[in-house]
Amino acid sequence: MSDKKASLTIDGENETIELPIYSGTLGPDVVDVGGLTAQGMFTFDPGFVSTASCESQITFINGNEGILLHRGYPIEQLAEHSDYLETCYLLLYGELPTEAQKKEFVGTVQKHTMVNEQICTFFNGFRRDAHPMAIVCGVVGALSAFYHDSLEISDEHHRQIAAYRLIAKMPTIAAMSYKYSVGQPFMYPDNSLGYAENFLHMMFGNPCEPSKISPVLAKAMDRIFLLHADHEQNASTSTVRLAGSSGANPFACIAAGIAALWGPSHGGANEAVLDMLEEIGDVSRIDEFVERAKDKNDPFRLMGFGHRVYKNFDPRASVMKQTADEVLAELGIEDDPLLEIAKRLEEIALSDEYFIQKKLYPNVDFYSGIILKAIGIPTSMFTVIFAVGRTVGWIAHWNEMISGSYRIGRPRQLYTGYTKRDFTPVDKR
């Protein structure tokens, strides 16, 4: 038990309730309010923004200081020195792999990149104009119908197999959703390629000629996956944990996370950036829209600036900005009207006193949107790519929960509806 206590006194009551206070290795202390139930009370916390829903050792965020750590390692160091699959190993197992461990891990992931051939026919049930996120959500949920040998969640080996399958197959399924939407043939994975390189091969390759993937673009895609790998107890990760707490299979849990990520307030943010750039339409209209953004009575908002969690700066943004500059230089893009608008907005946000005072700096979604647009990935695929990168974070949190002691999630409510009343027959209403 904790030596630190919080005392809660209720008006009109003579009794004081003592609640334990726990300290993590980093971050604020938390008050254990579980004892309130015995007193016939619950806490009220819409959105759970002041509630620690679990104990975790995976990711730590300090929004005020702009800190993001994966298993203790700063995201900036991982982005500079590591790669996506090595970061996957770190999130799953808690430590960076040795050279031999990394080689084995990468090799195992590569062996699982193919999907069951019947899944190809499964795609035919979707309309060609279906949103790729709708397709990915449905196909990932259906994986449990194809891979029965990894559904026993109490078996550590089963959980490991499911983790490898999901990390390996998500890029394949994502690329298939794009190919299906444009009426092109599916591309089989090429396991001689790296993770991000293979994804670009499946996205843009065709069976008639070998794929030629720019190392700069492959590195940029790998960084996008890495920088989105995990972000603590966000809406989609909390959804995966809540679904998993019922004992649901891992494929169903990840499908639930994908559904939560689809929301424009969560994973759809970089898609909203491109929608905003299209709404502005021309560099000559930027000043008009900037003034609208400053007007609190105007509903227009500049997307991709500021962050709900990071009150100072997004530590992922500086890495993504560097990557964006590298991609634009590699592709020689200078006259794309939307990218011109984006670069001008970036200049304004970094120099305008209004944005500086309110700390509305360009965030990771702003730069990732620019990169994906430059590479040629359609806006409808942006959130799908977010889901590919975030898959490992979802799995790591799900596995952490299942590996320990947990209870089925059961949030309470503040009921404000009718009190008990008697049924009235239809002829007397």
Protein backbone atom coordinates (compact mmCIF):
# COMPACT_ATOMS: atom_id res chain seq x y z
CA MET A 1 0.00 0.00 0.00
CA SER A 2 1.03 3.60 -0.56
CA ASP A 3 2.25 5.68 2.38
CA LYS A 4 0.81 8.81 0.81
CA LYS A 5 -2.90 9.47 1.30
CA ALA A 6 -5.50 11.95 0.10
CA SER A 7 -8.38 12.82 2.39
CA LEU A 8 -11.84 13.49 0.99
CA THR A 9 -14.51 15.09 3.14
CA ILE A 10 -18.10 15.23 1.90
CA ASP A 11 -20.28 18.18 2.92
CA GLY A 12 -22.83 17.07 5.50
CA GLU A 13 -20.95 13.86 6.31
CA ASN A 14 -18.90 13.32 9.42
CA GLU A 15 -16.67 10.69 7.87
CA THR A 16 -13.45 11.44 6.00
CA ILE A 17 -12.47 9.04 3.24
CA GLU A 18 -8.77 8.25 2.83
CA LEU A 19 -7.58 7.44 -0.69
CA PRO A 20 -4.11 6.05 -1.50
CA ILE A 21 -1.76 8.09 -3.67
CA TYR A 22 0.65 6.28 -6.00
CA SER A 23 3.76 7.60 -7.72
CA GLY A 24 5.07 6.41 -11.06
CA THR A 25 8.67 6.60 -12.20
CA LEU A 26 7.74 9.73 -14.18
CA GLY A 27 4.69 11.97 -14.32
CA PRO A 28 2.20 13.22 -11.73
CA ASP A 29 1.00 11.19 -8.76
CA VAL A 30 -2.37 9.47 -9.06
CA VAL A 31 -5.14 9.15 -6.48
CA ASP A 32 -6.71 5.70 -6.21
CA VAL A 33 -10.44 6.43 -6.10
CA GLY A 34 -11.50 2.77 -6.08
CA GLY A 35 -12.52 3.06 -2.43
CA LEU A 36 -15.30 5.52 -3.30
CA THR A 37 -17.48 2.68 -4.61
CA ALA A 38 -17.92 1.33 -1.09
CA GLN A 39 -19.24 4.77 -0.12
CA GLY A 40 -21.82 4.67 -2.92
CA MET A 41 -20.03 7.28 -5.03
CA PHE A 42 -18.12 7.45 -8.33
CA THR A 43 -15.88 10.11 -9.84
CA PHE A 44 -17.10 12.19 -12.79
CA ASP A 45 -14.46 12.70 -15.50
CA PRO A 46 -15.87 13.19 -19.03
CA GLY A 47 -13.36 11.98 -21.60
CA PHE A 48 -11.27 10.38 -18.82
CA VAL A 49 -8.81 13.27 -19.18
CA SER A 50 -7.96 13.21 -15.46
CA THR A 51 -8.10 9.44 -15.00
CA ALA A 52 -5.25 6.93 -15.18
CA SER A 53 -7.06 3.96 -16.71
CA CYS A 54 -4.17 1.53 -16.33
CA GLU A 55 -0.58 1.01 -15.24
CA SER A 56 1.89 0.84 -18.12
CA GLN A 57 5.64 0.67 -18.77
CA ILE A 58 5.56 1.34 -22.52
CA THR A 59 5.33 5.05 -23.35
CA PHE A 60 5.58 8.28 -21.36
CA ILE A 61 4.48 11.74 -22.50
CA ASN A 62 5.10 15.07 -20.82
CA GLY A 63 3.05 17.47 -22.89
CA ASN A 64 4.23 20.62 -21.12
CA GLU A 65 7.89 19.84 -21.76
CA GLY A 66 7.43 18.28 -25.21
CA ILE A 67 8.77 14.87 -24.13
CA LEU A 68 7.88 11.51 -25.70
CA LEU A 69 9.70 8.39 -24.46
CA HIS A 70 9.35 4.82 -25.68
CA ARG A 71 10.57 2.47 -22.94
CA GLY A 72 12.65 5.44 -21.72
CA TYR A 73 14.23 6.32 -25.08
CA PRO A 74 13.49 9.83 -26.46
CA ILE A 75 11.58 9.74 -29.74
CA GLU A 76 14.17 12.07 -31.34
CA GLN A 77 16.96 9.53 -30.69
CA LEU A 78 14.90 6.65 -32.03
CA ALA A 79 13.98 8.61 -35.18
CA GLU A 80 17.63 9.50 -35.82
CA HIS A 81 19.37 6.23 -34.94
CA SER A 82 16.75 3.47 -35.12
CA ASP A 83 14.16 2.24 -37.62
CA TYR A 84 10.55 1.17 -37.41
CA LEU A 85 10.99 -2.59 -36.90
CA GLU A 86 13.68 -2.06 -34.25
CA THR A 87 11.28 0.30 -32.47
CA CYS A 88 8.58 -2.37 -32.77
CA TYR A 89 10.87 -4.81 -30.96
CA LEU A 90 11.53 -2.20 -28.27
CA LEU A 91 7.82 -1.53 -27.70
CA LEU A 92 6.96 -5.23 -27.59
CA TYR A 93 9.85 -6.54 -25.48
CA GLY A 94 11.00 -3.54 -23.46
CA GLU A 95 14.63 -3.42 -24.66
CA LEU A 96 16.44 -2.65 -27.89
CA PRO A 97 17.43 -5.86 -29.67
CA THR A 98 20.93 -7.17 -30.13
CA GLU A 99 22.08 -7.54 -33.73
CA ALA A 100 21.09 -11.22 -33.72
CA GLN A 101 17.72 -10.53 -32.10
CA LYS A 102 16.93 -7.81 -34.63
CA LYS A 103 17.86 -10.05 -37.56
CA GLU A 104 15.61 -12.81 -36.24
CA PHE A 105 12.75 -10.38 -35.54
CA VAL A 106 12.90 -8.79 -39.00
CA GLY A 107 13.11 -12.22 -40.63
CA THR A 108 10.06 -13.46 -38.74
CA VAL A 109 8.04 -10.38 -39.69
CA GLN A 110 9.00 -10.89 -43.34
CA LYS A 111 7.74 -14.49 -43.24
CA HIS A 112 4.27 -13.23 -42.30
CA THR A 113 3.77 -10.48 -44.91
CA MET A 114 1.56 -12.60 -47.18
CA VAL A 115 -2.18 -12.86 -46.49
CA ASN A 116 -4.41 -15.86 -47.02
CA GLU A 117 -5.39 -15.97 -50.70
CA GLN A 118 -9.09 -16.03 -49.78
CA ILE A 119 -8.67 -12.56 -48.32
CA CYS A 120 -8.08 -11.32 -51.87
CA THR A 121 -11.58 -12.46 -52.81
CA PHE A 122 -12.90 -10.93 -49.59
CA PHE A 123 -12.11 -7.51 -51.07
CA ASN A 124 -14.64 -8.05 -53.85
CA GLY A 125 -17.42 -7.56 -51.33
CA PHE A 126 -16.53 -3.87 -50.99
CA ARG A 127 -17.54 -1.11 -53.36
CA ARG A 128 -14.67 0.31 -55.38
CA ASP A 129 -15.31 3.77 -53.96
CA ALA A 130 -15.32 2.59 -50.32
CA HIS A 131 -13.04 4.57 -48.00
CA PRO A 132 -9.79 2.61 -47.48
CA MET A 133 -10.23 2.86 -43.69
CA ALA A 134 -13.59 1.10 -43.99
CA ILE A 135 -11.93 -1.69 -45.95
CA VAL A 136 -8.95 -2.04 -43.60
CA CYS A 137 -11.19 -2.07 -40.54
CA GLY A 138 -13.33 -4.84 -42.04
CA VAL A 139 -10.43 -6.95 -43.33
CA VAL A 140 -8.42 -6.78 -40.09
CA GLY A 141 -11.51 -7.77 -38.10
CA ALA A 142 -11.95 -10.71 -40.47
CA LEU A 143 -8.41 -12.02 -39.90
CA SER A 144 -9.68 -14.01 -36.92
CA ALA A 145 -11.71 -16.07 -39.42
CA PHE A 146 -8.50 -17.01 -41.26
CA TYR A 147 -5.94 -17.48 -38.48
CA HIS A 148 -7.53 -19.72 -35.86
CA ASP A 149 -4.20 -20.89 -34.47
CA SER A 150 -3.37 -17.66 -32.60
CA LEU A 151 -6.63 -16.78 -30.83
CA GLU A 152 -5.95 -18.21 -27.36
CA ILE A 153 -5.10 -14.99 -25.55
CA SER A 154 -3.92 -16.75 -22.39
CA ASP A 155 -1.18 -18.47 -24.42
CA GLU A 156 1.94 -16.28 -24.68
CA HIS A 157 3.03 -18.02 -27.90
CA HIS A 158 -0.35 -17.36 -29.51
CA ARG A 159 -0.11 -13.69 -28.55
CA GLN A 160 3.35 -13.49 -30.07
CA ILE A 161 2.22 -15.07 -33.35
CA ALA A 162 -0.72 -12.68 -33.53
CA ALA A 163 1.63 -9.73 -32.94
CA TYR A 164 3.96 -10.77 -35.78
CA ARG A 165 1.04 -11.37 -38.11
CA LEU A 166 -0.56 -8.00 -37.48
CA ILE A 167 2.69 -6.02 -37.81
CA ALA A 168 3.59 -7.91 -41.00
CA LYS A 169 0.19 -7.98 -42.71
CA MET A 170 -1.01 -4.44 -42.01
CA PRO A 171 1.11 -2.88 -44.82
CA THR A 172 -0.08 -5.62 -47.18
CA ILE A 173 -3.74 -5.05 -46.32
CA ALA A 174 -3.30 -1.26 -46.47
CA ALA A 175 -1.72 -1.42 -49.94
CA MET A 176 -4.41 -3.85 -51.11
CA SER A 177 -7.12 -1.40 -50.01
CA TYR A 178 -5.50 1.29 -52.17
CA LYS A 179 -4.97 -0.97 -55.19
CA TYR A 180 -8.58 -2.14 -54.97
CA SER A 181 -9.88 1.46 -54.90
CA VAL A 182 -8.05 2.35 -58.12
CA GLY A 183 -8.79 -0.93 -59.91
CA GLN A 184 -5.19 -2.12 -60.10
CA PRO A 185 -3.96 -5.66 -59.43
CA PHE A 186 -2.69 -6.49 -55.96
CA MET A 187 1.08 -6.62 -55.56
CA TYR A 188 2.55 -9.49 -53.58
CA PRO A 189 5.05 -8.52 -50.88
CA ASP A 190 8.73 -8.64 -51.83
CA ASN A 191 10.55 -9.88 -48.74
CA SER A 192 13.92 -8.84 -50.11
CA LEU A 193 12.85 -5.25 -49.38
CA GLY A 194 12.75 -3.38 -46.09
CA TYR A 195 9.45 -2.81 -44.26
CA ALA A 196 8.69 0.68 -45.58
CA GLU A 197 10.27 -0.04 -48.96
CA ASN A 198 8.03 -3.10 -49.33
CA PHE A 199 4.97 -1.02 -48.51
CA LEU A 200 5.79 1.49 -51.25
CA HIS A 201 6.42 -1.42 -53.63
CA MET A 202 2.94 -2.82 -52.89
CA MET A 203 1.37 0.64 -53.16
CA PHE A 204 2.89 1.83 -56.43
CA GLY A 205 4.42 -1.21 -58.11
CA ASN A 206 2.92 -3.18 -60.97
CA PRO A 207 3.45 -6.81 -62.02
CA CYS A 208 4.96 -5.85 -65.38
CA GLU A 209 8.19 -4.32 -64.14
CA PRO A 210 10.44 -4.35 -61.04
CA SER A 211 9.80 -1.66 -58.45
CA LYS A 212 12.32 1.16 -58.08
CA ILE A 213 11.99 2.70 -54.64
CA SER A 214 13.93 5.83 -53.73
CA PRO A 215 15.91 5.29 -50.50
CA VAL A 216 14.93 8.82 -49.43
CA LEU A 217 11.22 8.06 -49.81
CA ALA A 218 11.60 4.67 -48.10
CA LYS A 219 13.37 6.32 -45.17
CA ALA A 220 10.65 8.98 -44.98
CA MET A 221 7.92 6.33 -44.88
CA ASP A 222 9.83 4.37 -42.23
CA ARG A 223 10.04 7.53 -40.09
CA ILE A 224 6.33 8.17 -40.48
CA PHE A 225 5.64 4.65 -39.21
CA LEU A 226 8.15 5.08 -36.36
CA LEU A 227 6.87 8.47 -35.23
CA HIS A 228 3.32 7.12 -35.08
CA ALA A 229 4.20 3.80 -33.43
CA ASP A 230 2.73 4.63 -30.03
CA HIS A 231 1.37 7.60 -28.13
CA GLU A 232 0.35 6.30 -24.72
CA GLN A 233 -3.34 6.04 -23.68
CA ASN A 234 -4.97 7.89 -26.59
CA ALA A 235 -8.51 7.18 -27.83
CA SER A 236 -7.62 4.26 -30.11
CA THR A 237 -5.18 2.61 -27.68
CA SER A 238 -7.71 2.92 -24.86
CA THR A 239 -10.29 1.38 -27.20
CA VAL A 240 -7.98 -1.58 -27.87
CA ARG A 241 -7.45 -2.06 -24.13
CA LEU A 242 -11.17 -1.80 -23.38
CA ALA A 243 -12.07 -4.29 -26.10
CA GLY A 244 -9.26 -6.58 -24.95
CA SER A 245 -10.45 -6.47 -21.35
CA SER A 246 -13.50 -8.49 -22.42
CA GLY A 247 -11.25 -11.29 -23.67
CA ALA A 248 -11.82 -10.47 -27.35
CA ASN A 249 -9.31 -11.89 -29.84
CA PRO A 250 -6.40 -9.63 -30.92
CA PHE A 251 -7.65 -9.11 -34.48
CA ALA A 252 -11.02 -7.86 -33.19
CA CYS A 253 -9.25 -5.57 -30.71
CA ILE A 254 -7.02 -4.02 -33.37
CA ALA A 255 -10.04 -3.56 -35.67
CA ALA A 256 -11.70 -1.66 -32.80
CA GLY A 257 -8.60 0.53 -32.53
CA ILE A 258 -8.69 1.21 -36.28
CA ALA A 259 -12.33 2.28 -35.99
CA ALA A 260 -11.48 4.71 -33.19
CA LEU A 261 -8.47 6.05 -35.10
CA TRP A 262 -10.67 6.87 -38.09
CA GLY A 263 -12.25 9.82 -36.30
CA PRO A 264 -11.15 13.24 -37.61
CA SER A 265 -10.21 14.33 -34.08
CA HIS A 266 -7.71 11.46 -33.84
CA GLY A 267 -6.08 9.78 -36.83
CA GLY A 268 -7.81 11.93 -39.42
CA ALA A 269 -5.83 15.03 -38.47
CA ASN A 270 -3.26 14.83 -41.29
CA GLU A 271 -6.09 14.21 -43.75
CA ALA A 272 -7.74 17.36 -42.38
CA VAL A 273 -4.51 19.28 -43.10
CA LEU A 274 -4.80 18.53 -46.83
CA ASP A 275 -8.51 19.37 -46.79
CA MET A 276 -7.61 22.73 -45.23
CA LEU A 277 -4.92 23.42 -47.85
CA GLU A 278 -7.44 22.67 -50.60
CA GLU A 279 -9.97 24.99 -48.96
CA ILE A 280 -7.40 27.83 -48.93
CA GLY A 281 -6.69 27.00 -52.55
CA ASP A 282 -4.10 29.64 -53.41
CA VAL A 283 -1.15 31.38 -51.74
CA SER A 284 -2.85 34.75 -52.31
CA ARG A 285 -5.63 33.75 -49.89
CA ILE A 286 -3.39 32.72 -46.98
CA ASP A 287 -3.54 36.06 -45.15
CA GLU A 288 -7.35 35.95 -45.30
CA PHE A 289 -7.47 32.49 -43.72
CA VAL A 290 -4.83 33.33 -41.12
CA GLU A 291 -6.96 36.26 -39.98
CA ARG A 292 -9.98 33.98 -39.86
CA ALA A 293 -8.02 31.55 -37.70
CA LYS A 294 -7.24 34.36 -35.27
CA ASP A 295 -10.93 35.32 -35.03
CA LYS A 296 -12.45 33.32 -32.17
CA ASN A 297 -15.91 33.86 -33.64
CA ASP A 298 -14.97 32.30 -36.97
CA PRO A 299 -15.37 28.48 -37.14
CA PHE A 300 -12.34 28.12 -39.43
CA ARG A 301 -9.31 26.50 -37.79
CA LEU A 302 -5.81 25.94 -39.10
CA MET A 303 -5.32 22.17 -39.00
CA GLY A 304 -1.92 20.72 -38.13
CA PHE A 305 -0.95 23.46 -35.68
CA GLY A 306 -0.72 22.95 -31.93
CA HIS A 307 -1.54 19.69 -30.17
CA ARG A 308 -3.99 18.64 -27.47
CA VAL A 309 -1.26 16.90 -25.47
CA TYR A 310 1.84 18.94 -26.30
CA LYS A 311 1.45 22.43 -24.84
CA ASN A 312 4.89 23.57 -25.94
CA PHE A 313 5.96 21.70 -29.09
CA ASP A 314 5.47 18.28 -30.62
CA PRO A 315 8.86 16.49 -30.30
CA ARG A 316 8.04 14.47 -33.43
CA ALA A 317 7.51 17.59 -35.55
CA SER A 318 11.15 18.68 -35.87
CA VAL A 319 12.13 15.21 -37.14
CA MET A 320 9.20 15.20 -39.54
CA LYS A 321 10.07 18.70 -40.80
CA GLN A 322 13.59 17.54 -41.65
CA THR A 323 12.13 14.52 -43.43
CA ALA A 324 9.69 16.72 -45.36
CA ASP A 325 12.57 18.92 -46.56
CA GLU A 326 14.49 15.81 -47.70
CA VAL A 327 11.48 14.42 -49.59
CA LEU A 328 10.69 17.69 -51.37
CA ALA A 329 14.35 18.04 -52.37
CA GLU A 330 14.48 14.43 -53.62
CA LEU A 331 11.35 14.87 -55.73
CA GLY A 332 12.29 18.36 -56.92
CA ILE A 333 8.83 19.68 -56.09
CA GLU A 334 8.69 23.45 -56.28
CA ASP A 335 5.47 24.36 -58.03
CA ASP A 336 2.80 22.24 -56.34
CA PRO A 337 0.16 24.80 -55.23
CA LEU A 338 -0.86 22.96 -52.07
CA LEU A 339 2.72 22.48 -50.94
CA GLU A 340 3.41 26.16 -51.61
CA ILE A 341 0.51 27.02 -49.30
CA ALA A 342 1.82 24.60 -46.66
CA LYS A 343 5.34 26.06 -46.74
CA ARG A 344 3.97 29.62 -46.44
CA LEU A 345 1.74 28.63 -43.51
CA GLU A 346 4.75 27.06 -41.82
CA GLU A 347 6.71 30.32 -42.18
CA ILE A 348 3.84 32.31 -40.69
CA ALA A 349 3.34 29.92 -37.75
CA LEU A 350 7.03 30.06 -36.86
CA SER A 351 7.29 33.87 -37.04
CA ASP A 352 3.85 35.36 -36.30
CA GLU A 353 3.60 36.57 -32.70
CA TYR A 354 0.01 35.29 -32.38
CA PHE A 355 1.03 31.70 -33.13
CA ILE A 356 4.20 31.94 -31.04
CA GLN A 357 2.35 33.23 -27.95
CA LYS A 358 -0.31 30.54 -28.25
CA LYS A 359 2.36 27.94 -29.06
CA LEU A 360 0.57 26.89 -32.24
CA TYR A 361 3.59 25.30 -33.85
CA PRO A 362 3.29 22.93 -36.82
CA ASN A 363 2.80 19.41 -35.46
CA VAL A 364 3.56 15.92 -36.76
CA ASP A 365 0.28 15.78 -38.69
CA PHE A 366 1.14 18.94 -40.63
CA TYR A 367 4.46 17.61 -41.88
CA SER A 368 3.34 14.02 -42.43
CA GLY A 369 0.49 15.31 -44.59
CA ILE A 370 2.98 17.25 -46.72
CA ILE A 371 5.25 14.22 -47.09
CA LEU A 372 2.46 11.81 -48.02
CA LYS A 373 1.06 14.30 -50.54
CA ALA A 374 4.48 14.72 -52.12
CA ILE A 375 5.04 10.96 -52.38
CA GLY A 376 1.75 10.65 -54.25
CA ILE A 377 -0.35 8.94 -51.61
CA PRO A 378 -4.01 10.00 -51.83
CA THR A 379 -5.55 11.81 -48.87
CA SER A 380 -7.97 8.95 -48.21
CA MET A 381 -4.96 6.72 -47.39
CA PHE A 382 -3.40 9.02 -44.79
CA THR A 383 -5.22 7.55 -41.79
CA VAL A 384 -4.61 4.04 -43.08
CA ILE A 385 -0.86 4.71 -42.99
CA PHE A 386 -1.26 6.07 -39.46
CA ALA A 387 -2.95 2.76 -38.57
CA VAL A 388 -0.08 0.75 -40.05
CA GLY A 389 2.43 2.56 -37.87
CA ARG A 390 0.26 2.51 -34.72
CA THR A 391 -0.47 -1.23 -34.94
CA VAL A 392 2.58 -2.16 -32.87
CA GLY A 393 1.60 0.27 -30.13
CA TRP A 394 -1.88 -1.21 -29.94
CA ILE A 395 -0.47 -4.73 -29.77
CA ALA A 396 2.11 -3.79 -27.13
CA HIS A 397 -0.57 -2.28 -24.87
CA TRP A 398 -2.97 -5.17 -25.46
CA ASN A 399 -0.26 -7.72 -24.67
CA GLU A 400 0.87 -5.79 -21.58
CA MET A 401 -2.68 -5.86 -20.25
CA ILE A 402 -3.36 -9.51 -21.08
CA SER A 403 0.01 -10.56 -19.59
CA GLY A 404 -0.84 -9.10 -16.18
CA SER A 405 -3.87 -8.92 -13.96
CA TYR A 406 -6.76 -6.92 -15.36
CA ARG A 407 -10.50 -6.45 -15.05
CA ILE A 408 -13.08 -5.96 -17.73
CA GLY A 409 -13.55 -2.26 -18.36
CA ARG A 410 -16.79 -0.89 -16.93
CA PRO A 411 -16.99 2.93 -16.81
CA ARG A 412 -19.74 4.44 -14.66
CA GLN A 413 -22.10 7.32 -15.44
CA LEU A 414 -23.83 10.33 -13.98
CA TYR A 415 -27.45 9.48 -14.75
CA THR A 416 -29.65 12.50 -15.53
CA GLY A 417 -32.66 10.78 -17.13
CA TYR A 418 -36.16 10.08 -15.79
CA THR A 419 -36.68 8.57 -12.38
CA LYS A 420 -38.87 5.47 -12.18
CA ARG A 421 -42.28 5.86 -13.85
CA ASP A 422 -45.15 3.55 -14.77
CA PHE A 423 -45.88 2.33 -18.27
CA THR A 424 -48.87 3.95 -20.01
CA PRO A 425 -50.91 1.92 -22.55
CA VAL A 426 -50.75 3.26 -26.09
CA ASP A 427 -54.45 4.30 -26.14
CA LYS A 428 -53.93 6.53 -23.09
CA ARG A 429 -50.80 8.40 -24.14
